[in-house]
Amino acid sequence: MQTITIDIINDKAIKLLQDLEQLQLIRLRKVSQHAENLTNWEYKYKGAMSKQSLSEIDNQLNELREEWE
Protein backbone atom coordinates (compact mmCIF):
# COMPACT_ATOMS: atom_id res chain seq x y z
CA MET A 1 0.00 0.00 0.00
CA GLN A 2 1.21 3.48 -0.88
CA THR A 3 0.16 6.80 0.58
CA ILE A 4 0.04 9.93 -1.52
CA THR A 5 -1.20 13.45 -0.91
CA ILE A 6 -3.18 15.25 -3.58
CA ASP A 7 -4.58 18.75 -3.91
CA ILE A 8 -8.19 18.87 -5.09
CA ILE A 9 -8.54 21.57 -7.76
CA ASN A 10 -12.07 20.77 -8.89
CA ASP A 11 -14.92 19.43 -6.75
CA LYS A 12 -15.72 16.87 -9.47
CA ALA A 13 -12.52 15.08 -8.48
CA ILE A 14 -13.95 14.39 -5.02
CA LYS A 15 -16.87 12.51 -6.55
CA LEU A 16 -14.48 10.44 -8.68
CA LEU A 17 -12.38 9.61 -5.65
CA GLN A 18 -15.47 8.63 -3.68
CA ASP A 19 -16.47 6.31 -6.52
CA LEU A 20 -13.04 4.68 -6.39
CA GLU A 21 -13.44 4.26 -2.66
CA GLN A 22 -16.80 2.53 -3.12
CA LEU A 23 -15.12 0.11 -5.51
CA GLN A 24 -12.61 -0.54 -2.70
CA LEU A 25 -9.72 0.56 -4.86
CA ILE A 26 -8.64 3.39 -2.58
CA ARG A 27 -9.31 4.64 0.94
CA LEU A 28 -9.91 8.32 1.58
CA ARG A 29 -8.79 9.95 4.81
CA LYS A 30 -9.25 13.54 5.77
CA VAL A 31 -6.28 15.09 7.52
CA SER A 32 -6.55 18.67 8.63
CA GLN A 33 -3.74 21.03 7.73
CA HIS A 34 -3.39 21.91 11.40
CA ALA A 35 -2.78 18.28 12.36
CA GLU A 36 -0.26 17.87 9.55
CA ASN A 37 1.67 20.95 10.60
CA LEU A 38 1.83 19.82 14.22
CA THR A 39 3.10 16.42 13.21
CA ASN A 40 5.77 17.83 10.91
CA TRP A 41 7.03 20.21 13.60
CA GLU A 42 7.05 17.44 16.16
CA TYR A 43 9.25 15.15 14.09
CA LYS A 44 11.39 17.92 12.68
CA TYR A 45 12.41 19.41 16.01
CA LYS A 46 11.99 16.52 18.43
CA GLY A 47 15.11 16.31 20.57
CA ALA A 48 16.63 19.46 19.07
CA MET A 49 16.74 21.20 22.42
CA SER A 50 17.91 19.73 25.67
CA LYS A 51 15.93 20.28 28.84
CA GLN A 52 17.26 23.16 30.92
CA SER A 53 16.25 24.72 34.15
CA LEU A 54 14.49 28.06 34.09
CA SER A 55 17.45 29.79 35.71
CA GLU A 56 19.86 28.50 33.01
CA ILE A 57 17.57 29.77 30.27
CA ASP A 58 17.21 33.11 32.02
CA ASN A 59 20.99 33.44 32.32
CA GLN A 60 21.47 32.68 28.63
CA LEU A 61 18.85 35.26 27.67
CA ASN A 62 20.52 37.89 29.83
CA GLU A 63 23.89 37.14 28.20
CA LEU A 64 22.39 37.51 24.74
CA ARG A 65 20.72 40.78 25.66
CA GLU A 66 24.02 42.15 27.00
CA GLU A 67 25.76 41.30 23.72
CA TRP A 68 23.25 43.41 21.79
CA GLU A 69 23.78 46.46 24.00
C-alpha atoms as a PDB file:
ATOM      1  CA  MET A   1       0.000   0.000   0.000  1.00  0.00           C
ATOM      2  CA  GLN A   2       1.215   3.483  -0.884  1.00  0.00           C
ATOM      3  CA  THR A   3       0.161   6.796   0.584  1.00  0.00           C
ATOM      4  CA  ILE A   4       0.037   9.929  -1.523  1.00  0.00           C
ATOM      5  CA  THR A   5      -1.197  13.453  -0.915  1.00  0.00           C
ATOM      6  CA  ILE A   6      -3.185  15.246  -3.584  1.00  0.00           C
ATOM      7  CA  ASP A   7      -4.585  18.747  -3.911  1.00  0.00           C
ATOM      8  CA  ILE A   8      -8.188  18.872  -5.095  1.00  0.00           C
ATOM      9  CA  ILE A   9      -8.536  21.568  -7.764  1.00  0.00           C
ATOM     10  CA  ASN A  10     -12.071  20.770  -8.893  1.00  0.00           C
ATOM     11  CA  ASP A  11     -14.921  19.427  -6.749  1.00  0.00           C
ATOM     12  CA  LYS A  12     -15.716  16.873  -9.475  1.00  0.00           C
ATOM     13  CA  ALA A  13     -12.522  15.077  -8.475  1.00  0.00           C
ATOM     14  CA  ILE A  14     -13.948  14.391  -5.018  1.00  0.00           C
ATOM     15  CA  LYS A  15     -16.869  12.508  -6.551  1.00  0.00           C
ATOM     16  CA  LEU A  16     -14.480  10.438  -8.677  1.00  0.00           C
ATOM     17  CA  LEU A  17     -12.377   9.612  -5.648  1.00  0.00           C
ATOM     18  CA  GLN A  18     -15.465   8.631  -3.675  1.00  0.00           C
ATOM     19  CA  ASP A  19     -16.474   6.310  -6.523  1.00  0.00           C
ATOM     20  CA  LEU A  20     -13.042   4.677  -6.395  1.00  0.00           C
ATOM     21  CA  GLU A  21     -13.440   4.262  -2.656  1.00  0.00           C
ATOM     22  CA  GLN A  22     -16.805   2.531  -3.119  1.00  0.00           C
ATOM     23  CA  LEU A  23     -15.119   0.107  -5.508  1.00  0.00           C
ATOM     24  CA  GLN A  24     -12.615  -0.544  -2.698  1.00  0.00           C
ATOM     25  CA  LEU A  25      -9.725   0.564  -4.863  1.00  0.00           C
ATOM     26  CA  ILE A  26      -8.640   3.390  -2.581  1.00  0.00           C
ATOM     27  CA  ARG A  27      -9.314   4.639   0.937  1.00  0.00           C
ATOM     28  CA  LEU A  28      -9.914   8.321   1.583  1.00  0.00           C
ATOM     29  CA  ARG A  29      -8.793   9.948   4.810  1.00  0.00           C
ATOM     30  CA  LYS A  30      -9.249  13.545   5.772  1.00  0.00           C
ATOM     31  CA  VAL A  31      -6.280  15.089   7.520  1.00  0.00           C
ATOM     32  CA  SER A  32      -6.555  18.666   8.625  1.00  0.00           C
ATOM     33  CA  GLN A  33      -3.742  21.029   7.725  1.00  0.00           C
ATOM     34  CA  HIS A  34      -3.389  21.907  11.397  1.00  0.00           C
ATOM     35  CA  ALA A  35      -2.779  18.282  12.358  1.00  0.00           C
ATOM     36  CA  GLU A  36      -0.263  17.867   9.547  1.00  0.00           C
ATOM     37  CA  ASN A  37       1.667  20.950  10.603  1.00  0.00           C
ATOM     38  CA  LEU A  38       1.829  19.818  14.216  1.00  0.00           C
ATOM     39  CA  THR A  39       3.097  16.418  13.208  1.00  0.00           C
ATOM     40  CA  ASN A  40       5.766  17.835  10.911  1.00  0.00           C
ATOM     41  CA  TRP A  41       7.028  20.206  13.598  1.00  0.00           C
ATOM     42  CA  GLU A  42       7.049  17.440  16.162  1.00  0.00           C
ATOM     43  CA  TYR A  43       9.251  15.149  14.095  1.00  0.00           C
ATOM     44  CA  LYS A  44      11.387  17.924  12.676  1.00  0.00           C
ATOM     45  CA  TYR A  45      12.412  19.412  16.014  1.00  0.00           C
ATOM     46  CA  LYS A  46      11.988  16.516  18.433  1.00  0.00           C
ATOM     47  CA  GLY A  47      15.105  16.305  20.569  1.00  0.00           C
ATOM     48  CA  ALA A  48      16.628  19.458  19.065  1.00  0.00           C
ATOM     49  CA  MET A  49      16.745  21.195  22.421  1.00  0.00           C
ATOM     50  CA  SER A  50      17.913  19.726  25.666  1.00  0.00           C
ATOM     51  CA  LYS A  51      15.925  20.284  28.841  1.00  0.00           C
ATOM     52  CA  GLN A  52      17.259  23.160  30.916  1.00  0.00           C
ATOM     53  CA  SER A  53      16.245  24.724  34.153  1.00  0.00           C
ATOM     54  CA  LEU A  54      14.494  28.060  34.089  1.00  0.00           C
ATOM     55  CA  SER A  55      17.451  29.788  35.711  1.00  0.00           C
ATOM     56  CA  GLU A  56      19.859  28.497  33.013  1.00  0.00           C
ATOM     57  CA  ILE A  57      17.570  29.769  30.267  1.00  0.00           C
ATOM     58  CA  ASP A  58      17.207  33.115  32.018  1.00  0.00           C
ATOM     59  CA  ASN A  59      20.991  33.443  32.321  1.00  0.00           C
ATOM     60  CA  GLN A  60      21.466  32.684  28.632  1.00  0.00           C
ATOM     61  CA  LEU A  61      18.846  35.263  27.668  1.00  0.00           C
ATOM     62  CA  ASN A  62      20.522  37.888  29.825  1.00  0.00           C
ATOM     63  CA  GLU A  63      23.888  37.140  28.204  1.00  0.00           C
ATOM     64  CA  LEU A  64      22.389  37.505  24.737  1.00  0.00           C
ATOM     65  CA  ARG A  65      20.724  40.777  25.661  1.00  0.00           C
ATOM     66  CA  GLU A  66      24.015  42.152  27.001  1.00  0.00           C
ATOM     67  CA  GLU A  67      25.755  41.296  23.722  1.00  0.00           C
ATOM     68  CA  TRP A  68      23.247  43.406  21.792  1.00  0.00           C
ATOM     69  CA  GLU A  69      23.780  46.461  23.997  1.00  0.00           C
END
